[in-house]
Every structure is written in C-alpha cells, then in structure tokens.
C-alpha atoms as a PDB file:
ATOM      1  CA  THR A   1      57.750 127.963 188.041  1.00  0.00           C
ATOM      2  CA  SER A   2      57.556 130.750 190.580  1.00  0.00           C
ATOM      3  CA  ASP A   3      61.077 129.760 191.706  1.00  0.00           C
ATOM      4  CA  ALA A   4      62.641 130.171 188.246  1.00  0.00           C
ATOM      5  CA  SER A   5      64.802 133.063 187.150  1.00  0.00           C
ATOM      6  CA  LEU A   6      63.150 135.733 185.016  1.00  0.00           C
ATOM      7  CA  GLU A   7      65.827 134.979 182.408  1.00  0.00           C
ATOM      8  CA  LEU A   8      64.069 131.992 180.874  1.00  0.00           C
ATOM      9  CA  GLY A   9      65.971 128.699 180.840  1.00  0.00           C
ATOM     10  CA  THR A  10      68.997 129.972 182.712  1.00  0.00           C
ATOM     11  CA  ASP A  11      68.422 127.924 185.854  1.00  0.00           C
ATOM     12  CA  SER A  12      67.280 124.416 186.799  1.00  0.00           C
ATOM     13  CA  LYS A  13      63.631 125.475 187.102  1.00  0.00           C
ATOM     14  CA  GLY A  14      63.193 127.143 183.729  1.00  0.00           C
ATOM     15  CA  TYR A  15      62.833 125.771 180.200  1.00  0.00           C
ATOM     16  CA  GLY A  16      62.831 127.669 176.937  1.00  0.00           C
ATOM     17  CA  TYR A  17      62.852 127.621 173.155  1.00  0.00           C
ATOM     18  CA  GLY A  18      64.333 130.539 171.256  1.00  0.00           C
ATOM     19  CA  GLY A  19      64.032 132.081 167.833  1.00  0.00           C
ATOM     20  CA  THR A  20      67.391 130.629 166.788  1.00  0.00           C
ATOM     21  CA  GLY A  21      65.964 127.104 167.061  1.00  0.00           C
ATOM     22  CA  LYS A  22      67.729 126.174 170.285  1.00  0.00           C
ATOM     23  CA  LYS A  23      66.139 124.871 173.470  1.00  0.00           C
ATOM     24  CA  VAL A  24      67.561 125.919 176.833  1.00  0.00           C
ATOM     25  CA  HIS A  25      67.457 124.543 180.360  1.00  0.00           C
ATOM     26  CA  ASN A  26      69.787 125.284 183.258  1.00  0.00           C
ATOM     27  CA  GLY A  27      71.797 127.641 181.032  1.00  0.00           C
ATOM     28  CA  THR A  28      72.594 124.933 178.459  1.00  0.00           C
ATOM     29  CA  TYR A  29      71.539 125.655 174.873  1.00  0.00           C
ATOM     30  CA  GLU A  30      71.036 122.671 172.562  1.00  0.00           C
ATOM     31  CA  PRO A  31      69.732 122.177 169.022  1.00  0.00           C
ATOM     32  CA  TYR A  32      66.015 121.382 168.872  1.00  0.00           C
ATOM     33  CA  ASN A  33      64.128 119.891 165.946  1.00  0.00           C
ATOM     34  CA  ASP A  34      66.928 120.516 163.439  1.00  0.00           C
ATOM     35  CA  ASN A  35      67.318 124.072 164.774  1.00  0.00           C
ATOM     36  CA  THR A  36      63.840 125.081 163.612  1.00  0.00           C
ATOM     37  CA  SER A  37      64.011 128.845 164.024  1.00  0.00           C
ATOM     38  CA  PHE A  38      61.068 131.224 164.217  1.00  0.00           C
ATOM     39  CA  GLY A  39      60.416 134.895 163.682  1.00  0.00           C
ATOM     40  CA  LYS A  40      57.848 137.543 162.896  1.00  0.00           C
ATOM     41  CA  GLY A  41      54.471 136.033 162.041  1.00  0.00           C
ATOM     42  CA  ASP A  42      55.132 132.603 163.544  1.00  0.00           C
ATOM     43  CA  ILE A  43      52.922 131.277 166.339  1.00  0.00           C
ATOM     44  CA  ILE A  44      54.725 129.297 169.044  1.00  0.00           C
ATOM     45  CA  GLY A  45      52.917 127.011 171.489  1.00  0.00           C
ATOM     46  CA  CYS A  46      54.159 125.200 174.584  1.00  0.00           C
ATOM     47  CA  ALA A  47      52.748 122.056 176.199  1.00  0.00           C
ATOM     48  CA  ILE A  48      53.520 120.112 179.352  1.00  0.00           C
ATOM     49  CA  ASP A  49      52.455 116.461 179.430  1.00  0.00           C
ATOM     50  CA  PHE A  50      52.168 115.573 183.102  1.00  0.00           C
ATOM     51  CA  ASP A  51      51.574 111.891 182.300  1.00  0.00           C
ATOM     52  CA  LEU A  52      54.810 111.572 180.308  1.00  0.00           C
ATOM     53  CA  ASN A  53      56.659 114.290 182.276  1.00  0.00           C
ATOM     54  CA  ALA A  54      57.652 116.081 179.090  1.00  0.00           C
ATOM     55  CA  ILE A  55      57.686 119.593 177.636  1.00  0.00           C
ATOM     56  CA  SER A  56      57.196 120.221 173.926  1.00  0.00           C
ATOM     57  CA  PHE A  57      56.675 123.166 171.584  1.00  0.00           C
ATOM     58  CA  THR A  58      54.722 123.836 168.405  1.00  0.00           C
ATOM     59  CA  LYS A  59      55.364 126.212 165.527  1.00  0.00           C
ATOM     60  CA  ASN A  60      52.350 127.399 163.543  1.00  0.00           C
ATOM     61  CA  GLY A  61      50.318 124.494 164.926  1.00  0.00           C
ATOM     62  CA  GLN A  62      52.843 121.781 164.011  1.00  0.00           C
ATOM     63  CA  SER A  63      54.491 119.780 166.779  1.00  0.00           C
ATOM     64  CA  LEU A  64      58.251 120.153 167.043  1.00  0.00           C
ATOM     65  CA  GLY A  65      58.458 117.025 169.210  1.00  0.00           C
ATOM     66  CA  LYS A  66      59.577 116.538 172.771  1.00  0.00           C
ATOM     67  CA  ALA A  67      62.013 119.190 173.923  1.00  0.00           C
ATOM     68  CA  PHE A  68      62.565 118.140 177.526  1.00  0.00           C
ATOM     69  CA  ASP A  69      62.130 115.007 179.623  1.00  0.00           C
ATOM     70  CA  LEU A  70      61.280 115.829 183.201  1.00  0.00           C
ATOM     71  CA  ASN A  71      62.957 112.684 184.506  1.00  0.00           C
ATOM     72  CA  ASN A  72      62.180 110.766 187.691  1.00  0.00           C
ATOM     73  CA  ASN A  73      64.722 112.787 189.657  1.00  0.00           C
ATOM     74  CA  GLU A  74      62.434 115.782 189.156  1.00  0.00           C
ATOM     75  CA  THR A  75      59.146 114.029 190.011  1.00  0.00           C
ATOM     76  CA  THR A  76      58.817 115.815 193.347  1.00  0.00           C
ATOM     77  CA  TYR A  77      59.464 119.037 191.480  1.00  0.00           C
ATOM     78  CA  ILE A  78      56.613 118.269 189.047  1.00  0.00           C
ATOM     79  CA  THR A  79      54.078 117.308 191.707  1.00  0.00           C
ATOM     80  CA  GLY A  80      52.481 120.292 193.402  1.00  0.00           C
ATOM     81  CA  THR A  81      54.383 122.838 191.313  1.00  0.00           C
ATOM     82  CA  VAL A  82      52.718 125.709 189.485  1.00  0.00           C
ATOM     83  CA  TYR A  83      54.042 126.323 185.980  1.00  0.00           C
ATOM     84  CA  PHE A  84      53.832 129.677 184.206  1.00  0.00           C
ATOM     85  CA  PRO A  85      54.002 129.803 180.408  1.00  0.00           C
ATOM     86  CA  THR A  86      56.064 132.881 179.616  1.00  0.00           C
ATOM     87  CA  ILE A  87      57.159 134.774 176.545  1.00  0.00           C
ATOM     88  CA  CYS A  88      60.395 136.706 176.385  1.00  0.00           C
ATOM     89  CA  VAL A  89      60.783 139.056 173.425  1.00  0.00           C
ATOM     90  CA  LYS A  90      64.147 140.535 172.535  1.00  0.00           C
ATOM     91  CA  ASN A  91      64.712 143.256 169.943  1.00  0.00           C
ATOM     92  CA  ALA A  92      61.105 142.990 168.799  1.00  0.00           C
END
C-alpha cells in the first residue's frame, strides 16, 4: 500500500516473497511452499483475492498456494486501500 515501507514486507502493511523461498510480513520471515526458491529466468506472479482476503504467488505460472490470510482484523485495511505490486531486486 502507499503506507508501506519501501523495504518490502518489513512492516504491517507490506507482504513479500523472496528468492530464498521465504515469505515476509511485518519483518517476520517464514517458510513458504517448502521454501520454493527462485532465481534468474523464473517468472514470479502475485495475486490478491479480495473475496477470500488472501495473497498468493506463482512461479513460472504454477500456483504456490496461499501465502497470507488478510484476517478479519484487517478488513478495514483491505476496504478502500490501494495495493501496489512491487518488485525488489538485490544483487541482480
């Protein structure tokens, strides 16, 4: 969102998935989809399901499953909020 830190996933308003196969939200890194890593040549997609209040990612067109539940405590955050898909590249 426009309120999130530019360091993706480091605060409560940012969500991320990194090349090491970990997802991150609010500065907490956790394994995601058996730590499915990615690198040069891979295509990563991101989706937000506003009906299920969930964020998921894809790798080379294959779903990696739900990464984040945007639970009921965040419903007011979901409604009326603009989301920005963002890519952060390190050492590329």
